[in-house]
Amino acid sequence: MIFHFICAIALAAGTLNFHANEVFKATQTALNEQGISISKAIDNVLITEKLELDLRALQYYITEDQPDEDPGWIAARYYLQITLNEAVYDQTEVIIEAYYERYGVRSAMVLIPPYWCTVPSNGLMEREILDAIEKTLTNN
């Protein structure tokens, strides 16, 4: 039996001086502008659809502690989890976590079936999304 363990070592968090409803709407707008759809919205947590990501772009968003010499990776995808916590009236804490996976094998020379492998985020995507939410809020 194979278990997939997903972890995030980096996330972006910030407290915005806006009411939670405003931050929720701004988050929807910012994600929509970047072509990211929300899959689930449960209480104060938004989870996006899994989106394909170009393998070359993936390297900018992950930490790579063991670079592959002859990689057999053929696809990549990610999704975001965004948590909104109203700290006090008109202040909302936003926590963004990105989860990345790549499909294939660690070495193109290994004859094993391809699989989805989780890779840790370096926090760049999370920071980009948080900045987009702040920009949306301040431009309205």
Protein backbone atom coordinates (compact mmCIF):
# COMPACT_ATOMS: atom_id res chain seq x y z
CA MET A 1 0.00 0.00 0.00
CA ILE A 2 1.39 3.40 -0.99
CA PHE A 3 0.63 6.51 1.04
CA HIS A 4 1.20 10.00 -0.30
CA PHE A 5 2.24 12.52 2.28
CA ILE A 6 1.85 16.18 1.36
CA CYS A 7 3.70 18.82 3.29
CA ALA A 8 4.48 22.46 2.84
CA ILE A 9 7.61 23.90 4.32
CA ALA A 10 6.89 27.44 3.21
CA LEU A 11 3.81 29.56 3.35
CA ALA A 12 2.86 33.20 3.18
CA ALA A 13 0.91 34.86 5.93
CA GLY A 14 -0.11 38.40 6.57
CA THR A 15 -2.69 40.46 8.39
CA LEU A 16 -4.68 42.80 6.18
CA ASN A 17 -6.59 45.78 7.54
CA PHE A 18 -9.84 44.79 5.86
CA HIS A 19 -12.96 42.90 6.92
CA ALA A 20 -12.97 39.16 6.16
CA ASN A 21 -15.77 39.55 3.58
CA GLU A 22 -13.70 42.10 1.65
CA VAL A 23 -10.62 39.87 1.78
CA PHE A 24 -12.68 36.87 0.62
CA LYS A 25 -13.98 38.81 -2.41
CA ALA A 26 -10.51 40.18 -3.18
CA THR A 27 -9.06 36.67 -2.96
CA GLN A 28 -11.66 35.39 -5.44
CA THR A 29 -10.86 38.28 -7.79
CA ALA A 30 -7.08 37.86 -7.51
CA LEU A 31 -7.30 34.12 -8.16
CA ASN A 32 -9.71 34.61 -11.06
CA GLU A 33 -7.35 37.15 -12.67
CA GLN A 34 -4.60 34.53 -12.56
CA GLY A 35 -6.83 31.81 -14.02
CA ILE A 36 -7.10 29.88 -10.75
CA SER A 37 -10.50 28.38 -9.86
CA ILE A 38 -11.73 27.66 -6.36
CA SER A 39 -12.68 24.03 -5.86
CA LYS A 40 -13.99 24.21 -2.29
CA ALA A 41 -14.86 26.96 0.15
CA ILE A 42 -15.46 25.56 3.62
CA ASP A 43 -15.93 28.11 6.40
CA ASN A 44 -12.81 30.24 6.21
CA VAL A 45 -10.73 27.94 3.98
CA LEU A 46 -10.50 28.13 0.19
CA ILE A 47 -8.99 25.25 -1.79
CA THR A 48 -8.25 25.71 -5.47
CA GLU A 49 -8.51 23.25 -8.32
CA LYS A 50 -5.32 21.38 -9.17
CA LEU A 51 -3.66 23.23 -12.01
CA GLU A 52 -1.07 22.02 -14.47
CA LEU A 53 2.27 23.79 -14.31
CA ASP A 54 5.05 23.76 -16.86
CA LEU A 55 7.98 21.68 -15.59
CA ARG A 56 10.41 24.53 -16.33
CA ALA A 57 8.28 26.92 -14.23
CA LEU A 58 8.08 24.41 -11.37
CA GLN A 59 11.77 24.89 -10.54
CA TYR A 60 11.08 28.51 -9.50
CA TYR A 61 8.46 27.50 -6.94
CA ILE A 62 10.00 24.49 -5.19
CA THR A 63 12.97 23.75 -2.99
CA GLU A 64 15.13 21.12 -4.57
CA ASP A 65 17.27 19.38 -2.00
CA GLN A 66 18.25 16.49 -4.27
CA PRO A 67 18.52 17.58 -7.90
CA ASP A 68 17.96 14.82 -10.44
CA GLU A 69 20.79 14.00 -12.82
CA ASP A 70 18.61 12.49 -15.56
CA PRO A 71 15.04 13.38 -14.56
CA GLY A 72 12.11 11.44 -15.88
CA TRP A 73 9.50 13.98 -14.77
CA ILE A 74 6.88 14.60 -17.44
CA ALA A 75 4.19 16.74 -15.73
CA ALA A 76 3.63 19.05 -12.78
CA ARG A 77 0.64 20.44 -10.95
CA TYR A 78 -0.23 22.46 -7.86
CA TYR A 79 -3.10 23.68 -5.75
CA LEU A 80 -3.47 26.35 -3.09
CA GLN A 81 -5.09 26.38 0.32
CA ILE A 82 -5.99 29.84 1.57
CA THR A 83 -7.20 30.35 5.12
CA LEU A 84 -8.84 33.59 6.22
CA ASN A 85 -9.04 34.32 9.95
CA GLU A 86 -10.71 37.47 11.18
CA ALA A 87 -8.42 38.56 14.03
CA VAL A 88 -10.44 41.58 15.08
CA TYR A 89 -13.04 43.63 13.23
CA ASP A 90 -11.51 44.94 9.99
CA GLN A 91 -8.34 42.87 10.35
CA THR A 92 -8.02 39.54 8.59
CA GLU A 93 -5.12 37.12 8.76
CA VAL A 94 -4.45 35.40 5.43
CA ILE A 95 -2.45 32.16 5.31
CA ILE A 96 -1.55 30.74 1.89
CA GLU A 97 -0.03 27.31 1.32
CA ALA A 98 0.94 25.91 -2.10
CA TYR A 99 1.21 22.17 -2.69
CA TYR A 100 3.26 20.94 -5.66
CA GLU A 101 3.46 17.54 -7.30
CA ARG A 102 5.36 16.25 -10.28
CA TYR A 103 4.63 13.15 -12.32
CA GLY A 104 7.17 10.68 -13.62
CA VAL A 105 10.22 9.09 -12.06
CA ARG A 106 13.34 10.46 -10.37
CA SER A 107 15.56 9.02 -13.10
CA ALA A 108 14.63 8.43 -16.74
CA MET A 109 16.87 5.36 -16.63
CA VAL A 110 14.79 3.59 -13.97
CA LEU A 111 12.18 1.17 -15.26
CA ILE A 112 9.41 1.77 -12.75
CA PRO A 113 5.92 3.10 -13.38
CA PRO A 114 5.54 6.88 -13.17
CA TYR A 115 3.87 8.32 -10.07
CA TRP A 116 2.87 11.67 -8.54
CA CYS A 117 5.58 12.86 -6.15
CA THR A 118 5.09 15.80 -3.79
CA VAL A 119 7.77 18.48 -3.71
CA PRO A 120 8.07 21.24 -1.10
CA SER A 121 7.28 24.85 -1.88
CA ASN A 122 9.83 27.62 -1.46
CA GLY A 123 7.09 30.18 -0.66
CA LEU A 124 7.36 32.26 -3.86
CA MET A 125 3.90 31.41 -5.25
CA GLU A 126 2.34 32.05 -1.84
CA ARG A 127 3.96 35.49 -1.67
CA GLU A 128 2.80 36.29 -5.24
CA ILE A 129 -0.81 35.40 -4.40
CA LEU A 130 -0.75 37.37 -1.13
CA ASP A 131 0.63 40.39 -3.01
CA ALA A 132 -2.13 40.03 -5.64
CA ILE A 133 -4.80 39.96 -2.91
CA GLU A 134 -3.32 43.09 -1.26
CA LYS A 135 -3.16 44.84 -4.64
CA THR A 136 -6.80 43.97 -5.34
CA LEU A 137 -7.84 45.36 -1.95
CA THR A 138 -5.93 48.61 -2.27
CA ASN A 139 -6.98 49.30 -5.88
CA ASN A 140 -10.71 49.25 -5.08
